[in-house]
């Protein structure tokens, strides 16, 4: 896996890497559409876990849009601790939020292009 680093691409090795996580990610990469994602994630996650993941992604998006913690908290219901954790990941993390948000920005949504 590669992440952007200082204007160049570099290899990224996760501190979390293990066989179970590798297998999980291989499974996720096999999902073919949004319907399959719903089916898989409804089985593998609790409702709360899935909503927390979705909330964090929305918080990251709003932070990248330079919204205030107050505005983000009011819009998403996220605590300031969660917002701070996401901000720390954006600033000092593995680059995953930025990677996926950039891709989402350049990918039409399900209702776009119809």
C-alpha atoms as a PDB file:
ATOM      1  CA  UNK A   1       0.000   0.000   0.000  1.00  0.00           C
ATOM      2  CA  UNK A   2       1.282   3.501  -0.757  1.00  0.00           C
ATOM      3  CA  UNK A   3       0.441   6.867   0.717  1.00  0.00           C
ATOM      4  CA  UNK A   4       1.379  10.362  -0.332  1.00  0.00           C
ATOM      5  CA  UNK A   5       4.426  11.632   1.500  1.00  0.00           C
ATOM      6  CA  UNK A   6       5.987  14.993   0.847  1.00  0.00           C
ATOM      7  CA  UNK A   7       5.099  15.110  -2.838  1.00  0.00           C
ATOM      8  CA  UNK A   8       6.269  11.564  -3.528  1.00  0.00           C
ATOM      9  CA  UNK A   9       4.746   8.115  -3.039  1.00  0.00           C
ATOM     10  CA  UNK A  10       6.168   5.906  -0.351  1.00  0.00           C
ATOM     11  CA  UNK A  11       5.337   2.444   0.918  1.00  0.00           C
ATOM     12  CA  UNK A  12       3.263   2.296   4.087  1.00  0.00           C
ATOM     13  CA  UNK A  13       3.526  -0.506   6.621  1.00  0.00           C
ATOM     14  CA  UNK A  14       0.859  -0.471   9.313  1.00  0.00           C
ATOM     15  CA  UNK A  15       1.634  -1.034  12.990  1.00  0.00           C
ATOM     16  CA  UNK A  16      -1.663  -2.959  13.114  1.00  0.00           C
ATOM     17  CA  UNK A  17      -0.774  -5.491  10.413  1.00  0.00           C
ATOM     18  CA  UNK A  18      -1.644  -9.085  11.227  1.00  0.00           C
ATOM     19  CA  UNK A  19      -3.228 -12.072   9.493  1.00  0.00           C
ATOM     20  CA  UNK A  20      -6.757 -11.432  10.800  1.00  0.00           C
ATOM     21  CA  UNK A  21      -6.758  -7.813   9.631  1.00  0.00           C
ATOM     22  CA  UNK A  22      -5.238  -8.829   6.283  1.00  0.00           C
ATOM     23  CA  UNK A  23      -8.097 -11.310   5.795  1.00  0.00           C
ATOM     24  CA  UNK A  24     -10.690  -8.683   6.766  1.00  0.00           C
ATOM     25  CA  UNK A  25      -9.302  -6.194   4.263  1.00  0.00           C
ATOM     26  CA  UNK A  26      -9.183  -8.859   1.531  1.00  0.00           C
ATOM     27  CA  UNK A  27     -12.851  -9.570   2.254  1.00  0.00           C
ATOM     28  CA  UNK A  28     -13.776  -5.872   2.083  1.00  0.00           C
ATOM     29  CA  UNK A  29     -11.957  -5.496  -1.223  1.00  0.00           C
ATOM     30  CA  UNK A  30     -14.099  -8.311  -2.650  1.00  0.00           C
ATOM     31  CA  UNK A  31     -17.347  -6.395  -2.081  1.00  0.00           C
ATOM     32  CA  UNK A  32     -18.743  -5.364  -5.458  1.00  0.00           C
ATOM     33  CA  UNK A  33     -21.339  -2.695  -4.691  1.00  0.00           C
ATOM     34  CA  UNK A  34     -23.048  -0.664  -1.981  1.00  0.00           C
ATOM     35  CA  UNK A  35     -25.688  -3.347  -1.418  1.00  0.00           C
ATOM     36  CA  UNK A  36     -23.012  -5.943  -0.691  1.00  0.00           C
ATOM     37  CA  UNK A  37     -21.312  -3.462   1.662  1.00  0.00           C
ATOM     38  CA  UNK A  38     -24.536  -3.005   3.611  1.00  0.00           C
ATOM     39  CA  UNK A  39     -25.038  -6.767   3.861  1.00  0.00           C
ATOM     40  CA  UNK A  40     -21.473  -7.450   5.004  1.00  0.00           C
ATOM     41  CA  UNK A  41     -21.130  -4.551   7.430  1.00  0.00           C
ATOM     42  CA  UNK A  42     -24.556  -5.148   8.988  1.00  0.00           C
ATOM     43  CA  UNK A  43     -23.358  -8.665   9.812  1.00  0.00           C
ATOM     44  CA  UNK A  44     -19.825  -7.850  10.947  1.00  0.00           C
ATOM     45  CA  UNK A  45     -20.433  -4.604  12.884  1.00  0.00           C
ATOM     46  CA  UNK A  46     -22.908  -3.521  15.486  1.00  0.00           C
ATOM     47  CA  UNK A  47     -25.152  -0.618  14.494  1.00  0.00           C
ATOM     48  CA  UNK A  48     -23.171   1.600  16.869  1.00  0.00           C
ATOM     49  CA  UNK A  49     -19.805   0.581  15.401  1.00  0.00           C
ATOM     50  CA  UNK A  50     -20.937   1.245  11.870  1.00  0.00           C
ATOM     51  CA  UNK A  51     -22.510   4.591  12.773  1.00  0.00           C
ATOM     52  CA  UNK A  52     -19.290   5.579  14.592  1.00  0.00           C
ATOM     53  CA  UNK A  53     -17.185   4.790  11.528  1.00  0.00           C
ATOM     54  CA  UNK A  54     -19.528   6.780   9.283  1.00  0.00           C
ATOM     55  CA  UNK A  55     -19.555   9.662  11.763  1.00  0.00           C
ATOM     56  CA  UNK A  56     -15.741   9.790  11.850  1.00  0.00           C
ATOM     57  CA  UNK A  57     -15.574   9.933   8.074  1.00  0.00           C
ATOM     58  CA  UNK A  58     -18.063  12.821   8.035  1.00  0.00           C
ATOM     59  CA  UNK A  59     -16.091  14.592  10.785  1.00  0.00           C
ATOM     60  CA  UNK A  60     -12.902  14.233   8.711  1.00  0.00           C
ATOM     61  CA  UNK A  61     -14.670  15.679   5.679  1.00  0.00           C
ATOM     62  CA  UNK A  62     -15.929  18.635   7.683  1.00  0.00           C
ATOM     63  CA  UNK A  63     -12.509  19.239   9.250  1.00  0.00           C
ATOM     64  CA  UNK A  64     -10.958  19.285   5.784  1.00  0.00           C
ATOM     65  CA  UNK A  65     -13.599  21.859   4.846  1.00  0.00           C
ATOM     66  CA  UNK A  66     -12.315  23.941   7.814  1.00  0.00           C
ATOM     67  CA  UNK A  67     -15.535  23.837   9.815  1.00  0.00           C
ATOM     68  CA  UNK A  68     -15.339  24.593  13.519  1.00  0.00           C
ATOM     69  CA  UNK A  69     -15.555  21.912  16.214  1.00  0.00           C
ATOM     70  CA  UNK A  70     -18.846  23.460  17.321  1.00  0.00           C
ATOM     71  CA  UNK A  71     -20.362  23.294  13.837  1.00  0.00           C
ATOM     72  CA  UNK A  72     -19.120  19.719  13.383  1.00  0.00           C
ATOM     73  CA  UNK A  73     -20.457  18.617  16.750  1.00  0.00           C
ATOM     74  CA  UNK A  74     -23.848  20.208  16.109  1.00  0.00           C
ATOM     75  CA  UNK A  75     -24.120  18.676  12.635  1.00  0.00           C
ATOM     76  CA  UNK A  76     -22.842  15.157  13.402  1.00  0.00           C
ATOM     77  CA  UNK A  77     -23.409  14.723  17.128  1.00  0.00           C
ATOM     78  CA  UNK A  78     -19.723  13.853  17.523  1.00  0.00           C
ATOM     79  CA  UNK A  79     -18.071  14.698  20.818  1.00  0.00           C
ATOM     80  CA  UNK A  80     -15.138  17.102  20.874  1.00  0.00           C
ATOM     81  CA  UNK A  81     -12.960  14.122  21.875  1.00  0.00           C
ATOM     82  CA  UNK A  82     -13.961  12.297  18.674  1.00  0.00           C
ATOM     83  CA  UNK A  83     -13.404  15.413  16.589  1.00  0.00           C
ATOM     84  CA  UNK A  84      -9.966  15.885  18.178  1.00  0.00           C
ATOM     85  CA  UNK A  85      -9.071  12.238  17.533  1.00  0.00           C
ATOM     86  CA  UNK A  86     -10.032  12.566  13.865  1.00  0.00           C
ATOM     87  CA  UNK A  87      -8.131  15.864  13.597  1.00  0.00           C
ATOM     88  CA  UNK A  88      -5.035  14.187  15.055  1.00  0.00           C
ATOM     89  CA  UNK A  89      -5.371  11.377  12.495  1.00  0.00           C
ATOM     90  CA  UNK A  90      -5.704  13.918   9.681  1.00  0.00           C
ATOM     91  CA  UNK A  91      -2.622  15.791  10.862  1.00  0.00           C
ATOM     92  CA  UNK A  92      -0.369  12.952  12.022  1.00  0.00           C
ATOM     93  CA  UNK A  93      -1.974   9.665  10.942  1.00  0.00           C
ATOM     94  CA  UNK A  94      -1.402   7.253   8.089  1.00  0.00           C
ATOM     95  CA  UNK A  95      -3.080   9.428   5.442  1.00  0.00           C
ATOM     96  CA  UNK A  96      -6.116   7.165   5.091  1.00  0.00           C
ATOM     97  CA  UNK A  97      -8.745   9.833   5.642  1.00  0.00           C
ATOM     98  CA  UNK A  98      -7.169  12.159   3.080  1.00  0.00           C
ATOM     99  CA  UNK A  99      -6.725   9.310   0.607  1.00  0.00           C
ATOM    100  CA  UNK A 100     -10.350   8.206   0.702  1.00  0.00           C
ATOM    101  CA  UNK A 101     -11.855  11.703   0.915  1.00  0.00           C
ATOM    102  CA  UNK A 102      -9.877  12.735  -2.148  1.00  0.00           C
ATOM    103  CA  UNK A 103     -11.149   9.670  -4.014  1.00  0.00           C
ATOM    104  CA  UNK A 104     -14.732  10.277  -2.875  1.00  0.00           C
ATOM    105  CA  UNK A 105     -14.519  13.863  -4.076  1.00  0.00           C
ATOM    106  CA  UNK A 106     -13.555  12.651  -7.552  1.00  0.00           C
ATOM    107  CA  UNK A 107     -16.091   9.806  -7.754  1.00  0.00           C
ATOM    108  CA  UNK A 108     -19.725  10.416  -8.681  1.00  0.00           C
ATOM    109  CA  UNK A 109     -22.253   9.412  -6.045  1.00  0.00           C
ATOM    110  CA  UNK A 110     -25.034   6.881  -6.707  1.00  0.00           C
ATOM    111  CA  UNK A 111     -27.493   9.614  -7.747  1.00  0.00           C
ATOM    112  CA  UNK A 112     -25.019  11.584  -9.850  1.00  0.00           C
ATOM    113  CA  UNK A 113     -24.757  11.014 -13.563  1.00  0.00           C
ATOM    114  CA  UNK A 114     -28.306   9.658 -13.889  1.00  0.00           C
END
